[in-house]
Amino acid sequence: MRFLPNEHAAVVAALHARGVDPATVLFVKRRGRLHVQVPGHTDTFCFFREKSTKLDGQGRWQDRTDYFIGMDKEQPCEWSAVMSAFERWLKSS
């Protein structure tokens, strides 16, 4: 999974808002997930996205991007939910 420019900008903005220098943060890709490792945290925050294209009821192709938080592929969510979870994770140091 590639780290999209809008995703990177949002994560860096959240880091700045919490007073974390983005140069000290490690962004690691493992098993198709992006792991964010912040100094002072014992765990990492990870997420991934999945793109799909399906036919709707009218026979038109619909592109969809679902995000998943953590290693499991249980509950798809939107990017805003990923950022909310990331900000909560940053606060829980």
N, C-alpha and C. Protein backbone atom coordinates (compact mmCIF):
# COMPACT_ATOMS: atom_id res chain seq x y z
N MET A 1 0.85 -1.17 0.00
CA MET A 1 0.00 0.00 0.00
C MET A 1 0.89 1.24 0.00
N ARG A 2 0.59 2.13 -0.88
CA ARG A 2 1.31 3.39 -0.91
C ARG A 2 0.65 4.39 0.02
N PHE A 3 1.47 5.25 0.57
CA PHE A 3 1.00 6.33 1.44
C PHE A 3 0.63 7.48 0.51
N LEU A 4 -0.66 7.75 0.33
CA LEU A 4 -1.11 8.80 -0.57
C LEU A 4 -0.77 10.17 -0.01
N PRO A 5 -0.54 11.15 -0.90
CA PRO A 5 -0.15 12.49 -0.42
C PRO A 5 -1.16 13.11 0.55
N ASN A 6 -2.46 12.94 0.29
CA ASN A 6 -3.45 13.53 1.21
C ASN A 6 -3.44 12.81 2.56
N GLU A 7 -3.19 11.50 2.56
CA GLU A 7 -3.09 10.76 3.81
C GLU A 7 -1.87 11.22 4.61
N HIS A 8 -0.75 11.34 3.93
CA HIS A 8 0.48 11.77 4.58
C HIS A 8 0.31 13.17 5.18
N ALA A 9 -0.28 14.08 4.41
CA ALA A 9 -0.47 15.45 4.89
C ALA A 9 -1.37 15.48 6.13
N ALA A 10 -2.41 14.67 6.15
CA ALA A 10 -3.32 14.63 7.30
C ALA A 10 -2.63 14.06 8.54
N VAL A 11 -1.83 13.01 8.36
CA VAL A 11 -1.12 12.41 9.49
C VAL A 11 -0.08 13.38 10.03
N VAL A 12 0.66 14.04 9.15
CA VAL A 12 1.67 15.00 9.59
C VAL A 12 1.01 16.18 10.31
N ALA A 13 -0.13 16.63 9.82
CA ALA A 13 -0.84 17.73 10.49
C ALA A 13 -1.29 17.32 11.89
N ALA A 14 -1.75 16.08 12.03
CA ALA A 14 -2.16 15.58 13.35
C ALA A 14 -0.95 15.48 14.28
N LEU A 15 0.18 15.06 13.74
CA LEU A 15 1.40 14.99 14.55
C LEU A 15 1.82 16.37 15.02
N HIS A 16 1.81 17.35 14.11
CA HIS A 16 2.15 18.73 14.48
C HIS A 16 1.20 19.26 15.55
N ALA A 17 -0.08 18.95 15.43
CA ALA A 17 -1.07 19.43 16.39
C ALA A 17 -0.80 18.88 17.79
N ARG A 18 -0.22 17.69 17.88
CA ARG A 18 0.12 17.09 19.18
C ARG A 18 1.54 17.43 19.62
N GLY A 19 2.26 18.23 18.83
CA GLY A 19 3.61 18.63 19.19
C GLY A 19 4.66 17.56 18.92
N VAL A 20 4.37 16.65 18.01
CA VAL A 20 5.32 15.58 17.66
C VAL A 20 6.03 15.98 16.36
N ASP A 21 7.34 15.90 16.37
CA ASP A 21 8.12 16.21 15.17
C ASP A 21 8.01 15.03 14.20
N PRO A 22 7.46 15.25 13.00
CA PRO A 22 7.31 14.16 12.04
C PRO A 22 8.63 13.51 11.63
N ALA A 23 9.74 14.23 11.80
CA ALA A 23 11.04 13.64 11.45
C ALA A 23 11.43 12.52 12.40
N THR A 24 10.82 12.47 13.58
CA THR A 24 11.13 11.42 14.55
C THR A 24 10.20 10.21 14.42
N VAL A 25 9.23 10.30 13.53
CA VAL A 25 8.22 9.25 13.38
C VAL A 25 8.64 8.31 12.25
N LEU A 26 8.45 7.02 12.49
CA LEU A 26 8.74 6.03 11.45
C LEU A 26 7.44 5.59 10.79
N PHE A 27 7.43 5.61 9.47
CA PHE A 27 6.32 5.09 8.68
C PHE A 27 6.83 3.82 8.02
N VAL A 28 6.28 2.68 8.43
CA VAL A 28 6.77 1.39 7.96
C VAL A 28 5.63 0.64 7.30
N LYS A 29 5.93 0.06 6.14
CA LYS A 29 4.94 -0.77 5.46
C LYS A 29 5.25 -2.22 5.78
N ARG A 30 4.27 -2.91 6.37
CA ARG A 30 4.41 -4.32 6.71
C ARG A 30 3.12 -5.04 6.36
N ARG A 31 3.22 -6.09 5.58
CA ARG A 31 2.07 -6.91 5.21
C ARG A 31 0.93 -6.10 4.59
N GLY A 32 1.28 -5.10 3.81
CA GLY A 32 0.27 -4.31 3.13
C GLY A 32 -0.39 -3.25 3.98
N ARG A 33 0.09 -3.10 5.21
CA ARG A 33 -0.46 -2.09 6.11
C ARG A 33 0.59 -1.04 6.40
N LEU A 34 0.14 0.17 6.64
CA LEU A 34 1.05 1.24 7.00
C LEU A 34 1.07 1.36 8.51
N HIS A 35 2.24 1.19 9.11
CA HIS A 35 2.41 1.31 10.55
C HIS A 35 3.06 2.65 10.87
N VAL A 36 2.51 3.35 11.84
CA VAL A 36 3.05 4.62 12.29
C VAL A 36 3.64 4.38 13.67
N GLN A 37 4.95 4.59 13.80
CA GLN A 37 5.65 4.38 15.06
C GLN A 37 6.12 5.73 15.59
N VAL A 38 5.54 6.12 16.73
CA VAL A 38 5.85 7.41 17.34
C VAL A 38 6.70 7.16 18.58
N PRO A 39 7.78 7.92 18.75
CA PRO A 39 8.59 7.76 19.96
C PRO A 39 7.74 7.98 21.21
N GLY A 40 7.94 7.12 22.20
CA GLY A 40 7.17 7.22 23.43
C GLY A 40 5.97 6.30 23.48
N HIS A 41 5.58 5.76 22.35
CA HIS A 41 4.47 4.80 22.29
C HIS A 41 5.04 3.39 22.23
N THR A 42 4.47 2.50 23.01
CA THR A 42 4.94 1.11 22.99
C THR A 42 4.33 0.32 21.84
N ASP A 43 3.22 0.79 21.32
CA ASP A 43 2.56 0.11 20.21
C ASP A 43 2.61 0.98 18.96
N THR A 44 2.13 0.44 17.85
CA THR A 44 2.07 1.21 16.61
C THR A 44 0.62 1.36 16.18
N PHE A 45 0.38 2.39 15.40
CA PHE A 45 -0.93 2.58 14.78
C PHE A 45 -0.82 2.09 13.35
N CYS A 46 -1.73 1.24 12.93
CA CYS A 46 -1.66 0.78 11.55
C CYS A 46 -3.04 0.82 10.90
N PHE A 47 -3.01 1.01 9.60
CA PHE A 47 -4.23 1.03 8.80
C PHE A 47 -3.89 0.58 7.39
N PHE A 48 -4.93 0.26 6.65
CA PHE A 48 -4.76 -0.03 5.23
C PHE A 48 -6.06 0.30 4.52
N ARG A 49 -5.96 0.38 3.21
CA ARG A 49 -7.14 0.69 2.40
C ARG A 49 -7.30 -0.39 1.34
N GLU A 50 -8.53 -0.53 0.92
CA GLU A 50 -8.83 -1.51 -0.14
C GLU A 50 -9.76 -0.83 -1.14
N LYS A 51 -9.36 -0.88 -2.38
CA LYS A 51 -10.20 -0.32 -3.45
C LYS A 51 -10.97 -1.45 -4.10
N SER A 52 -12.20 -1.14 -4.45
CA SER A 52 -13.02 -2.14 -5.14
C SER A 52 -13.92 -1.43 -6.14
N THR A 53 -14.35 -2.16 -7.13
CA THR A 53 -15.27 -1.65 -8.13
C THR A 53 -16.40 -2.66 -8.26
N LYS A 54 -17.62 -2.17 -8.08
CA LYS A 54 -18.78 -3.05 -8.14
C LYS A 54 -19.86 -2.42 -9.01
N LEU A 55 -20.71 -3.26 -9.52
CA LEU A 55 -21.86 -2.78 -10.27
C LEU A 55 -22.96 -2.36 -9.30
N ASP A 56 -23.56 -1.21 -9.56
CA ASP A 56 -24.69 -0.80 -8.73
C ASP A 56 -25.99 -1.37 -9.32
N GLY A 57 -27.10 -1.00 -8.75
CA GLY A 57 -28.39 -1.51 -9.20
C GLY A 57 -28.77 -1.09 -10.61
N GLN A 58 -28.14 -0.02 -11.11
CA GLN A 58 -28.44 0.47 -12.44
C GLN A 58 -27.44 0.00 -13.49
N GLY A 59 -26.54 -0.91 -13.08
CA GLY A 59 -25.57 -1.45 -14.03
C GLY A 59 -24.38 -0.56 -14.28
N ARG A 60 -24.12 0.39 -13.40
CA ARG A 60 -22.97 1.29 -13.54
C ARG A 60 -21.89 0.86 -12.57
N TRP A 61 -20.64 1.02 -13.00
CA TRP A 61 -19.52 0.68 -12.13
C TRP A 61 -19.34 1.77 -11.08
N GLN A 62 -19.18 1.36 -9.84
CA GLN A 62 -18.96 2.27 -8.73
C GLN A 62 -17.62 1.94 -8.07
N ASP A 63 -16.73 2.92 -8.06
CA ASP A 63 -15.44 2.76 -7.37
C ASP A 63 -15.64 3.06 -5.89
N ARG A 64 -14.99 2.27 -5.06
CA ARG A 64 -15.14 2.43 -3.62
C ARG A 64 -13.78 2.21 -2.97
N THR A 65 -13.48 3.02 -1.95
CA THR A 65 -12.28 2.84 -1.15
C THR A 65 -12.69 2.69 0.29
N ASP A 66 -12.35 1.55 0.86
CA ASP A 66 -12.62 1.28 2.27
C ASP A 66 -11.31 1.28 3.03
N TYR A 67 -11.34 1.83 4.23
CA TYR A 67 -10.18 1.82 5.11
C TYR A 67 -10.45 0.87 6.26
N PHE A 68 -9.38 0.27 6.75
CA PHE A 68 -9.45 -0.63 7.89
C PHE A 68 -8.38 -0.23 8.88
N ILE A 69 -8.73 -0.22 10.15
CA ILE A 69 -7.81 0.15 11.21
C ILE A 69 -7.32 -1.12 11.89
N GLY A 70 -6.02 -1.21 12.09
CA GLY A 70 -5.44 -2.38 12.72
C GLY A 70 -5.12 -3.46 11.69
N MET A 71 -4.84 -4.64 12.19
CA MET A 71 -4.45 -5.74 11.31
C MET A 71 -5.63 -6.51 10.74
N ASP A 72 -6.77 -6.41 11.38
CA ASP A 72 -7.94 -7.17 10.95
C ASP A 72 -8.72 -6.43 9.87
N LYS A 73 -9.41 -7.21 9.08
CA LYS A 73 -10.24 -6.66 8.01
C LYS A 73 -11.70 -6.86 8.40
N GLU A 74 -12.08 -6.22 9.52
CA GLU A 74 -13.41 -6.46 10.07
C GLU A 74 -14.42 -5.39 9.67
N GLN A 75 -14.14 -4.16 10.04
CA GLN A 75 -15.12 -3.10 9.83
C GLN A 75 -14.56 -2.04 8.90
N PRO A 76 -15.08 -1.93 7.69
CA PRO A 76 -14.62 -0.87 6.80
C PRO A 76 -15.08 0.48 7.32
N CYS A 77 -14.27 1.51 7.05
CA CYS A 77 -14.62 2.86 7.48
C CYS A 77 -14.10 3.86 6.46
N GLU A 78 -14.39 5.11 6.70
CA GLU A 78 -13.94 6.21 5.85
C GLU A 78 -12.62 6.75 6.39
N TRP A 79 -11.96 7.58 5.61
CA TRP A 79 -10.68 8.17 6.02
C TRP A 79 -10.84 9.02 7.27
N SER A 80 -11.96 9.70 7.42
CA SER A 80 -12.17 10.54 8.61
C SER A 80 -12.16 9.70 9.89
N ALA A 81 -12.68 8.48 9.83
CA ALA A 81 -12.67 7.59 10.99
C ALA A 81 -11.25 7.14 11.31
N VAL A 82 -10.43 6.93 10.29
CA VAL A 82 -9.04 6.56 10.50
C VAL A 82 -8.32 7.70 11.22
N MET A 83 -8.55 8.93 10.78
CA MET A 83 -7.89 10.08 11.40
C MET A 83 -8.38 10.28 12.83
N SER A 84 -9.64 10.07 13.09
CA SER A 84 -10.15 10.18 14.46
C SER A 84 -9.49 9.14 15.37
N ALA A 85 -9.37 7.92 14.88
CA ALA A 85 -8.72 6.86 15.65
C ALA A 85 -7.24 7.17 15.86
N PHE A 86 -6.59 7.74 14.85
CA PHE A 86 -5.18 8.10 14.96
C PHE A 86 -4.98 9.19 16.01
N GLU A 87 -5.85 10.19 16.00
CA GLU A 87 -5.74 11.27 16.99
C GLU A 87 -5.99 10.75 18.41
N ARG A 88 -6.94 9.83 18.57
CA ARG A 88 -7.17 9.21 19.89
C ARG A 88 -5.94 8.41 20.32
N TRP A 89 -5.33 7.70 19.37
CA TRP A 89 -4.15 6.91 19.67
C TRP A 89 -2.99 7.81 20.08
N LEU A 90 -2.84 8.95 19.41
CA LEU A 90 -1.77 9.89 19.76
C LEU A 90 -1.95 10.41 21.20
N LYS A 91 -3.19 10.66 21.60
CA LYS A 91 -3.46 11.17 22.95
C LYS A 91 -3.18 10.14 24.03
N SER A 92 -3.25 8.87 23.68
CA SER A 92 -3.11 7.81 24.69
C SER A 92 -1.65 7.37 24.84
N SER A 93 -0.79 8.30 25.18
CA SER A 93 0.62 7.92 25.30
C SER A 93 1.01 7.57 26.71
